[in-house]
Amino acid sequence: MPVKTGWLRYLWRERRPVFLRQAVRMAKYHRTPFRRLLENILEVTENFGAGFTFPIVASTALRNPELTYLIEGFHQEIASHGFTHVNYRYLPIEDQRKDIASSLQAFDNLGIRVRGFRAPYNMLADQTPRLLEEFGFLWEGSLGFKPQYWERRSFFKVKVNNHESSFLCIPLYKWSDDRMIDNYGLGSAQMAKIMKNAISQTREAHGVLMFDLHPIRIGQPRYIDLLKQMLVYGSDLGGWFPNVTEAVKYWLKHQEWKDGASFCCLLTGDIDNSSFFEYLARLF
């Protein structure tokens, strides 16, 4: 079977054994309208005065502009998740450039300025950081998912053409919601224990922590209380919950967290489809 696109190549080589199980899960998740899942997250974060950043696949945003306007209406942040949900490791640099440029043009057409980028599957090719500089991104949210950064609790830069990157990278916590729920079948109590432990460690380091909490999962009625628990716990420990751009800008200016916060916690969640049909359609 010839595999011609980055997404299909990734699926065929690396995810074939789990694809059917994942498709069944996604069908169940999408029984709840995606707008409702998004509203659940937005309402919780609004009640706590917390920020939330949504890296969105731009083609999904174009098909569902009302969702991006809903996010903007709650004064939350949108970042680029590429134009299509493909693994950049399998794309030539010119195809990567085209994908990133198309995503920025799409958001511009929607009247949305994005400052951050997260690669689909948190996978960047060796050349991708150079493109992120080329397009002037302020921050990058997937390089920090590499194992060497899992225990890091501070912003960092990477080498780009023998100089430090102009953008900041953010350590991304290894226990994402899809890993906890889909891969390990953890319940809310187990997830809360893992996430609270990460928050406590970040407080001790006076550092920064980024969670990846996809709306398709964490917005579900059975999981939304977990988000409330994290906000209560983190707030009680003196944490600051801004959106990512706000945190990066403040840190670059002050080298400290706002209002003397004991740590910074960044809540993010990728959106790469808003319906089961859209999830399946991206395969072809």
Protein backbone atom coordinates (compact mmCIF):
# COMPACT_ATOMS: atom_id res chain seq x y z
CA MET A 1 0.00 0.00 0.00
CA PRO A 2 1.65 3.29 -1.04
CA VAL A 3 1.64 5.89 1.68
CA LYS A 4 2.07 9.42 0.36
CA THR A 5 1.18 11.89 3.10
CA GLY A 6 2.91 12.54 6.40
CA TRP A 7 -0.20 11.66 8.39
CA LEU A 8 -0.85 8.40 6.56
CA ARG A 9 2.78 7.37 6.75
CA TYR A 10 2.75 7.99 10.49
CA LEU A 11 -0.51 6.09 10.90
CA TRP A 12 0.61 3.13 8.79
CA ARG A 13 4.04 2.73 10.38
CA GLU A 14 3.42 3.59 13.99
CA ARG A 15 -0.26 3.58 14.91
CA ARG A 16 -1.77 0.82 12.80
CA PRO A 17 -2.21 -1.61 15.74
CA VAL A 18 -4.11 0.90 17.85
CA PHE A 19 -6.04 2.77 15.17
CA LEU A 20 -9.26 0.78 15.43
CA ARG A 21 -9.36 1.06 19.23
CA GLN A 22 -8.69 4.77 18.99
CA ALA A 23 -11.43 5.25 16.39
CA VAL A 24 -13.93 3.55 18.71
CA ARG A 25 -12.84 5.83 21.57
CA MET A 26 -13.20 8.92 19.43
CA ALA A 27 -16.68 7.87 18.34
CA LYS A 28 -17.66 7.65 22.02
CA TYR A 29 -16.06 10.99 22.88
CA HIS A 30 -17.91 12.72 20.05
CA ARG A 31 -21.29 11.62 21.39
CA THR A 32 -21.10 14.85 23.36
CA PRO A 33 -21.19 17.86 21.00
CA PHE A 34 -17.74 19.41 20.78
CA ARG A 35 -19.06 22.89 21.48
CA ARG A 36 -20.39 21.63 24.81
CA LEU A 37 -17.00 20.15 25.69
CA LEU A 38 -15.33 23.44 24.87
CA GLU A 39 -17.88 25.41 26.88
CA ASN A 40 -17.26 23.16 29.90
CA ILE A 41 -13.57 24.11 29.89
CA LEU A 42 -14.17 27.79 29.18
CA GLU A 43 -16.74 28.12 31.95
CA VAL A 44 -14.48 26.46 34.52
CA THR A 45 -11.45 28.57 33.64
CA GLU A 46 -13.56 31.73 33.63
CA ASN A 47 -14.84 30.94 37.12
CA PHE A 48 -11.26 30.66 38.37
CA GLY A 49 -9.88 33.57 36.37
CA ALA A 50 -7.46 31.15 34.72
CA GLY A 51 -6.00 31.17 31.23
CA PHE A 52 -6.19 28.33 28.75
CA THR A 53 -4.37 28.07 25.42
CA PHE A 54 -5.81 26.04 22.55
CA PRO A 55 -3.37 25.01 19.79
CA ILE A 56 -5.78 24.49 16.89
CA VAL A 57 -5.32 22.87 13.50
CA ALA A 58 -6.11 25.78 11.19
CA SER A 59 -8.13 23.75 8.69
CA THR A 60 -10.38 22.72 11.58
CA ALA A 61 -10.68 26.37 12.63
CA LEU A 62 -11.72 27.35 9.10
CA ARG A 63 -14.40 24.67 9.02
CA ASN A 64 -15.65 25.68 12.47
CA PRO A 65 -15.08 29.44 12.88
CA GLU A 66 -17.77 29.62 15.54
CA LEU A 67 -15.53 27.59 17.87
CA THR A 68 -12.62 29.99 17.52
CA TYR A 69 -14.94 32.93 18.14
CA LEU A 70 -16.29 31.15 21.22
CA ILE A 71 -12.75 30.82 22.58
CA GLU A 72 -11.98 34.45 21.80
CA GLY A 73 -15.25 35.48 23.44
CA PHE A 74 -13.97 33.99 26.69
CA HIS A 75 -10.66 35.87 26.21
CA GLN A 76 -8.64 32.68 25.91
CA GLU A 77 -5.70 32.06 23.61
CA ILE A 78 -5.45 30.31 20.26
CA ALA A 79 -2.11 28.97 18.97
CA SER A 80 -1.13 27.27 15.72
CA HIS A 81 -1.21 23.48 15.55
CA GLY A 82 -0.32 23.52 11.86
CA PHE A 83 -2.77 23.69 8.96
CA THR A 84 -3.29 19.92 8.75
CA HIS A 85 -2.71 17.33 11.46
CA VAL A 86 0.38 15.67 9.99
CA ASN A 87 3.63 14.49 11.52
CA TYR A 88 6.31 17.00 10.54
CA ARG A 89 9.04 14.38 10.75
CA TYR A 90 7.73 12.96 7.48
CA LEU A 91 7.42 16.28 5.64
CA PRO A 92 10.15 17.94 3.56
CA ILE A 93 11.05 21.39 4.83
CA GLU A 94 9.17 23.17 2.03
CA ASP A 95 6.00 21.24 2.88
CA GLN A 96 6.45 22.18 6.53
CA ARG A 97 6.91 25.83 5.55
CA LYS A 98 3.76 25.70 3.44
CA ASP A 99 1.77 24.08 6.25
CA ILE A 100 2.84 26.67 8.83
CA ALA A 101 2.30 29.57 6.43
CA SER A 102 -1.16 28.27 5.53
CA SER A 103 -2.07 28.02 9.21
CA LEU A 104 -1.04 31.61 9.88
CA GLN A 105 -2.92 32.84 6.82
CA ALA A 106 -6.03 30.96 7.91
CA PHE A 107 -5.98 32.47 11.38
CA ASP A 108 -5.32 35.90 9.90
CA ASN A 109 -8.40 35.44 7.71
CA LEU A 110 -10.36 34.71 10.88
CA GLY A 111 -8.99 37.86 12.52
CA ILE A 112 -6.89 35.92 15.02
CA ARG A 113 -3.25 36.66 15.75
CA VAL A 114 -1.31 33.67 17.02
CA ARG A 115 2.01 33.91 18.86
CA GLY A 116 2.67 30.27 19.68
CA PHE A 117 3.08 26.94 17.91
CA ARG A 118 2.70 23.30 18.86
CA ALA A 119 3.48 20.62 16.28
CA PRO A 120 0.97 17.84 15.64
CA TYR A 121 1.87 14.81 17.77
CA ASN A 122 4.53 17.03 19.42
CA MET A 123 6.83 15.92 16.61
CA LEU A 124 9.17 18.37 14.90
CA ALA A 125 11.72 17.65 12.19
CA ASP A 126 15.27 18.90 12.63
CA GLN A 127 14.56 21.87 10.36
CA THR A 128 11.29 22.95 12.00
CA PRO A 129 12.81 25.29 14.64
CA ARG A 130 14.39 27.32 11.82
CA LEU A 131 10.93 27.77 10.32
CA LEU A 132 9.48 28.86 13.66
CA GLU A 133 12.07 31.64 13.77
CA GLU A 134 11.34 32.51 10.16
CA PHE A 135 7.67 33.02 10.99
CA GLY A 136 8.38 34.97 14.17
CA PHE A 137 6.72 32.77 16.79
CA LEU A 138 7.13 33.88 20.40
CA TRP A 139 6.96 30.40 21.91
CA GLU A 140 6.98 26.72 21.00
CA GLY A 141 5.08 24.09 22.96
CA SER A 142 6.15 20.66 21.67
CA LEU A 143 9.96 20.52 21.83
CA GLY A 144 9.56 20.36 25.60
CA PHE A 145 7.90 16.96 25.24
CA LYS A 146 11.23 15.32 24.44
CA PRO A 147 12.34 13.00 27.30
CA GLN A 148 15.38 15.14 28.14
CA TYR A 149 13.03 17.96 29.16
CA TRP A 150 10.48 15.97 31.16
CA GLU A 151 11.91 16.96 34.53
CA ARG A 152 12.67 20.54 33.55
CA ARG A 153 10.66 23.28 35.25
CA SER A 154 11.86 26.38 33.39
CA PHE A 155 11.63 27.96 29.96
CA PHE A 156 14.52 27.19 27.63
CA LYS A 157 15.91 27.92 24.18
CA VAL A 158 17.40 25.62 21.56
CA LYS A 159 20.13 26.01 18.99
CA VAL A 160 19.00 27.24 15.59
CA ASN A 161 21.73 27.69 12.97
CA ASN A 162 24.42 28.01 15.66
CA HIS A 163 22.57 30.59 17.74
CA GLU A 164 19.97 30.48 20.49
CA SER A 165 16.39 30.41 19.28
CA SER A 166 14.50 33.68 19.30
CA PHE A 167 11.46 31.81 20.65
CA LEU A 168 11.08 30.28 24.09
CA CYS A 169 10.38 26.57 24.55
CA ILE A 170 8.23 25.28 27.38
CA PRO A 171 8.57 21.93 29.17
CA LEU A 172 5.46 19.87 28.40
CA TYR A 173 4.42 17.43 31.12
CA LYS A 174 4.84 13.84 29.96
CA TRP A 175 1.51 12.68 31.42
CA SER A 176 -0.93 14.15 28.90
CA ASP A 177 -4.62 13.32 29.20
CA ASP A 178 -4.52 10.97 26.20
CA ARG A 179 -1.66 9.03 27.75
CA MET A 180 -3.43 8.75 31.09
CA ILE A 181 -6.91 7.98 29.74
CA ASP A 182 -6.43 6.20 26.41
CA ASN A 183 -3.09 4.47 26.95
CA TYR A 184 -3.28 3.59 30.64
CA GLY A 185 -7.00 3.68 31.38
CA LEU A 186 -6.58 5.82 34.49
CA GLY A 187 -9.57 7.20 36.34
CA SER A 188 -10.03 10.76 37.58
CA ALA A 189 -8.68 10.00 41.06
CA GLN A 190 -5.46 8.50 39.67
CA MET A 191 -5.06 11.37 37.23
CA ALA A 192 -5.58 13.92 39.99
CA LYS A 193 -2.85 12.30 42.08
CA ILE A 194 -0.36 12.42 39.18
CA MET A 195 -1.15 16.00 38.27
CA LYS A 196 -1.15 17.27 41.85
CA ASN A 197 2.26 15.71 42.36
CA ALA A 198 3.55 17.54 39.29
CA ILE A 199 2.12 20.82 40.57
CA SER A 200 3.72 20.31 43.99
CA GLN A 201 7.12 19.63 42.42
CA THR A 202 6.80 22.72 40.25
CA ARG A 203 5.97 24.84 43.27
CA GLU A 204 9.08 23.57 45.06
CA ALA A 205 11.15 24.56 42.02
CA HIS A 206 9.39 27.94 41.70
CA GLY A 207 9.07 26.86 38.09
CA VAL A 208 6.71 26.48 35.16
CA LEU A 209 4.59 23.48 34.19
CA MET A 210 2.54 22.94 31.04
CA PHE A 211 -0.28 20.39 30.82
CA ASP A 212 -1.75 19.10 27.54
CA LEU A 213 -5.45 18.56 28.22
CA HIS A 214 -7.39 17.94 25.01
CA PRO A 215 -10.96 19.32 25.06
CA ILE A 216 -12.26 16.09 23.49
CA ARG A 217 -11.32 14.32 26.74
CA ILE A 218 -10.97 16.79 29.59
CA GLY A 219 -14.17 18.60 28.56
CA GLN A 220 -16.21 15.42 29.05
CA PRO A 221 -18.62 15.52 32.02
CA ARG A 222 -16.74 12.65 33.67
CA TYR A 223 -13.40 14.51 33.54
CA ILE A 224 -14.21 18.22 33.81
CA ASP A 225 -14.14 18.07 37.61
CA LEU A 226 -10.46 17.12 37.33
CA LEU A 227 -9.77 20.54 35.83
CA LYS A 228 -11.57 22.18 38.75
CA GLN A 229 -9.52 20.14 41.21
CA MET A 230 -6.25 21.23 39.59
CA LEU A 231 -7.26 24.88 39.69
CA VAL A 232 -8.30 24.69 43.34
CA TYR A 233 -5.15 22.81 44.33
CA GLY A 234 -2.81 25.04 42.36
CA SER A 235 -4.46 28.23 43.55
CA ASP A 236 -4.20 27.11 47.17
CA LEU A 237 -0.45 26.65 46.59
CA GLY A 238 -0.12 30.18 45.28
CA GLY A 239 0.15 29.32 41.59
CA TRP A 240 -0.45 31.56 38.60
CA PHE A 241 -2.59 30.26 35.71
CA PRO A 242 -2.15 32.58 32.70
CA ASN A 243 -2.35 31.75 29.03
CA VAL A 244 0.98 30.84 27.48
CA THR A 245 1.70 34.11 25.69
CA GLU A 246 0.93 36.10 28.83
CA ALA A 247 3.33 33.94 30.84
CA VAL A 248 6.14 34.15 28.29
CA LYS A 249 5.85 37.92 27.87
CA TYR A 250 5.81 38.48 31.62
CA TRP A 251 8.80 36.21 32.19
CA LEU A 252 10.85 37.84 29.43
CA LYS A 253 10.25 41.24 31.00
CA HIS A 254 10.51 40.40 34.71
CA GLN A 255 12.25 36.99 35.01
CA GLU A 256 9.64 36.25 37.66
CA TRP A 257 6.02 35.17 38.03
CA LYS A 258 3.23 37.71 38.32
CA ASP A 259 2.20 39.00 41.75
CA GLY A 260 4.85 36.90 43.46
CA ALA A 261 3.21 33.60 42.50
CA SER A 262 4.98 30.50 43.76
CA PHE A 263 4.88 28.84 40.32
CA CYS A 264 3.30 29.11 36.88
CA CYS A 265 0.90 26.49 35.52
CA LEU A 266 -0.03 26.57 31.84
CA LEU A 267 -3.22 24.79 30.80
CA THR A 268 -3.31 23.88 27.13
CA GLY A 269 -5.36 21.57 24.96
CA ASP A 270 -4.99 20.71 21.28
CA ILE A 271 -7.94 20.77 18.87
CA ASP A 272 -7.46 18.79 15.66
CA ASN A 273 -11.07 17.80 14.96
CA SER A 274 -14.51 18.82 16.18
CA SER A 275 -16.60 15.83 15.05
CA PHE A 276 -16.11 12.13 14.46
CA PHE A 277 -16.59 12.64 10.73
CA GLU A 278 -13.84 15.26 10.75
CA TYR A 279 -11.59 12.88 12.67
CA LEU A 280 -12.06 10.20 10.01
CA ALA A 281 -11.92 12.61 7.07
CA ARG A 282 -8.42 13.77 7.91
CA LEU A 283 -7.12 10.27 7.10
CA PHE A 284 -7.90 10.57 3.42
